[in-house]
Amino acid sequence: MSNHASSLRQPVGPADTAALAHELAELMVQALNLELSAAEIDPDTPLYGEGLGLDSIDILEIALVVSKRYGVQLRADSAENEQIFRSLRRLAEYITAHRTT
């Protein structure tokens, strides 16, 4: 008996991750009222510190938007958060692997 659910899931390639990273950049610009465009955000720029300079409150806002939009639950106390929010690309990869919507 074949498993139809697994056959419906398509492998995710670099183009899909890049498209999601751009979509996330647009969501971040809107949610955080950033003074730059989504196109100006390099997917590998660090989100914390000297990259985009986001703080923990900004990251919580992003986590809320991601949860609502993609069904991915991000916990504030997760040890993975430093890696998940390292860059847009890392966040996109995490969402791709864990999304429910």
C-alpha atoms as a PDB file:
ATOM      1  CA  MET A   1       0.000   0.000   0.000  1.00  0.00           C
ATOM      2  CA  SER A   2       1.535   3.326  -0.998  1.00  0.00           C
ATOM      3  CA  ASN A   3       1.717   6.329   1.257  1.00  0.00           C
ATOM      4  CA  HIS A   4       0.082   9.210  -0.635  1.00  0.00           C
ATOM      5  CA  ALA A   5       1.008  11.840   1.947  1.00  0.00           C
ATOM      6  CA  SER A   6       4.735  11.304   1.474  1.00  0.00           C
ATOM      7  CA  SER A   7       4.405  11.290  -2.308  1.00  0.00           C
ATOM      8  CA  LEU A   8       2.682  14.680  -2.208  1.00  0.00           C
ATOM      9  CA  ARG A   9       5.559  16.294  -0.354  1.00  0.00           C
ATOM     10  CA  GLN A  10       7.979  17.756  -2.864  1.00  0.00           C
ATOM     11  CA  PRO A  11      11.670  18.139  -2.097  1.00  0.00           C
ATOM     12  CA  VAL A  12      12.625  21.682  -1.266  1.00  0.00           C
ATOM     13  CA  GLY A  13      15.414  23.185  -3.287  1.00  0.00           C
ATOM     14  CA  PRO A  14      17.575  26.279  -2.902  1.00  0.00           C
ATOM     15  CA  ALA A  15      15.185  28.327  -5.057  1.00  0.00           C
ATOM     16  CA  ASP A  16      12.305  27.555  -2.687  1.00  0.00           C
ATOM     17  CA  THR A  17      14.386  28.563   0.332  1.00  0.00           C
ATOM     18  CA  ALA A  18      15.475  31.778  -1.419  1.00  0.00           C
ATOM     19  CA  ALA A  19      11.852  32.624  -2.264  1.00  0.00           C
ATOM     20  CA  LEU A  20      10.811  31.995   1.333  1.00  0.00           C
ATOM     21  CA  ALA A  21      13.721  34.108   2.617  1.00  0.00           C
ATOM     22  CA  HIS A  22      12.530  37.006   0.440  1.00  0.00           C
ATOM     23  CA  GLU A  23       8.956  36.527   1.670  1.00  0.00           C
ATOM     24  CA  LEU A  24      10.246  36.551   5.263  1.00  0.00           C
ATOM     25  CA  ALA A  25      12.182  39.748   4.565  1.00  0.00           C
ATOM     26  CA  GLU A  26       8.953  41.387   3.383  1.00  0.00           C
ATOM     27  CA  LEU A  27       7.125  40.194   6.495  1.00  0.00           C
ATOM     28  CA  MET A  28       9.914  41.529   8.721  1.00  0.00           C
ATOM     29  CA  VAL A  29       9.922  44.940   7.035  1.00  0.00           C
ATOM     30  CA  GLN A  30       6.157  45.202   7.562  1.00  0.00           C
ATOM     31  CA  ALA A  31       5.989  43.758  11.078  1.00  0.00           C
ATOM     32  CA  LEU A  32       8.941  45.742  12.427  1.00  0.00           C
ATOM     33  CA  ASN A  33       8.481  48.906  10.347  1.00  0.00           C
ATOM     34  CA  LEU A  34      12.072  48.688   9.158  1.00  0.00           C
ATOM     35  CA  GLU A  35      13.468  51.614   7.219  1.00  0.00           C
ATOM     36  CA  LEU A  36      14.756  49.475   4.368  1.00  0.00           C
ATOM     37  CA  SER A  37      13.163  47.364   1.678  1.00  0.00           C
ATOM     38  CA  ALA A  38      12.993  43.584   1.668  1.00  0.00           C
ATOM     39  CA  ALA A  39      15.287  43.539  -1.377  1.00  0.00           C
ATOM     40  CA  GLU A  40      17.999  45.275   0.676  1.00  0.00           C
ATOM     41  CA  ILE A  41      18.142  42.444   3.226  1.00  0.00           C
ATOM     42  CA  ASP A  42      20.780  39.878   2.342  1.00  0.00           C
ATOM     43  CA  PRO A  43      19.540  36.378   3.289  1.00  0.00           C
ATOM     44  CA  ASP A  44      22.852  35.658   5.045  1.00  0.00           C
ATOM     45  CA  THR A  45      23.021  38.883   7.071  1.00  0.00           C
ATOM     46  CA  PRO A  46      22.879  38.167  10.806  1.00  0.00           C
ATOM     47  CA  LEU A  47      19.558  39.194  12.320  1.00  0.00           C
ATOM     48  CA  TYR A  48      21.111  40.052  15.699  1.00  0.00           C
ATOM     49  CA  GLY A  49      23.870  42.501  16.480  1.00  0.00           C
ATOM     50  CA  GLU A  50      25.828  44.147  13.686  1.00  0.00           C
ATOM     51  CA  GLY A  51      23.687  42.615  10.942  1.00  0.00           C
ATOM     52  CA  LEU A  52      20.144  43.950  10.994  1.00  0.00           C
ATOM     53  CA  GLY A  53      20.558  44.910  14.639  1.00  0.00           C
ATOM     54  CA  LEU A  54      17.351  43.267  15.814  1.00  0.00           C
ATOM     55  CA  ASP A  55      16.796  42.766  19.528  1.00  0.00           C
ATOM     56  CA  SER A  56      14.934  40.096  21.471  1.00  0.00           C
ATOM     57  CA  ILE A  57      11.600  41.954  21.204  1.00  0.00           C
ATOM     58  CA  ASP A  58      11.994  42.125  17.410  1.00  0.00           C
ATOM     59  CA  ILE A  59      12.729  38.399  17.302  1.00  0.00           C
ATOM     60  CA  LEU A  60       9.581  37.709  19.355  1.00  0.00           C
ATOM     61  CA  GLU A  61       7.565  39.708  16.816  1.00  0.00           C
ATOM     62  CA  ILE A  62       9.066  37.699  13.967  1.00  0.00           C
ATOM     63  CA  ALA A  63       8.330  34.448  15.823  1.00  0.00           C
ATOM     64  CA  LEU A  64       4.686  35.488  16.219  1.00  0.00           C
ATOM     65  CA  VAL A  65       4.332  36.357  12.523  1.00  0.00           C
ATOM     66  CA  VAL A  66       6.014  33.091  11.504  1.00  0.00           C
ATOM     67  CA  SER A  67       3.741  31.104  13.804  1.00  0.00           C
ATOM     68  CA  LYS A  68       0.596  32.690  12.396  1.00  0.00           C
ATOM     69  CA  ARG A  69       1.666  32.545   8.764  1.00  0.00           C
ATOM     70  CA  TYR A  70       3.382  29.155   8.548  1.00  0.00           C
ATOM     71  CA  GLY A  71       2.145  27.209  11.569  1.00  0.00           C
ATOM     72  CA  VAL A  72       5.669  26.857  12.952  1.00  0.00           C
ATOM     73  CA  GLN A  73       5.861  27.072  16.713  1.00  0.00           C
ATOM     74  CA  LEU A  74       8.987  28.844  17.919  1.00  0.00           C
ATOM     75  CA  ARG A  75       9.572  28.738  21.659  1.00  0.00           C
ATOM     76  CA  ALA A  76      11.291  31.598  23.456  1.00  0.00           C
ATOM     77  CA  ASP A  77      13.223  29.145  25.630  1.00  0.00           C
ATOM     78  CA  SER A  78      14.455  26.937  22.785  1.00  0.00           C
ATOM     79  CA  ALA A  79      18.172  26.258  22.699  1.00  0.00           C
ATOM     80  CA  GLU A  80      17.920  26.260  18.872  1.00  0.00           C
ATOM     81  CA  ASN A  81      16.858  29.916  18.617  1.00  0.00           C
ATOM     82  CA  GLU A  82      20.376  31.234  18.184  1.00  0.00           C
ATOM     83  CA  GLN A  83      20.789  29.011  15.128  1.00  0.00           C
ATOM     84  CA  ILE A  84      17.226  29.469  13.820  1.00  0.00           C
ATOM     85  CA  PHE A  85      17.445  33.263  13.910  1.00  0.00           C
ATOM     86  CA  ARG A  86      21.062  33.502  12.768  1.00  0.00           C
ATOM     87  CA  SER A  87      19.941  34.776   9.342  1.00  0.00           C
ATOM     88  CA  LEU A  88      16.930  34.880   7.041  1.00  0.00           C
ATOM     89  CA  ARG A  89      18.276  31.873   5.179  1.00  0.00           C
ATOM     90  CA  ARG A  90      18.517  29.812   8.385  1.00  0.00           C
ATOM     91  CA  LEU A  91      15.007  30.896   9.419  1.00  0.00           C
ATOM     92  CA  ALA A  92      13.667  29.970   5.963  1.00  0.00           C
ATOM     93  CA  GLU A  93      15.345  26.555   6.165  1.00  0.00           C
ATOM     94  CA  TYR A  94      13.835  25.943   9.600  1.00  0.00           C
ATOM     95  CA  ILE A  95      10.356  26.976   8.444  1.00  0.00           C
ATOM     96  CA  THR A  96      10.623  24.796   5.341  1.00  0.00           C
ATOM     97  CA  ALA A  97      11.457  21.785   7.501  1.00  0.00           C
ATOM     98  CA  HIS A  98       8.771  22.420  10.138  1.00  0.00           C
ATOM     99  CA  ARG A  99       5.861  24.263   8.524  1.00  0.00           C
ATOM    100  CA  THR A 100       2.321  22.971   8.766  1.00  0.00           C
ATOM    101  CA  THR A 101       0.616  25.431   6.399  1.00  0.00           C
END
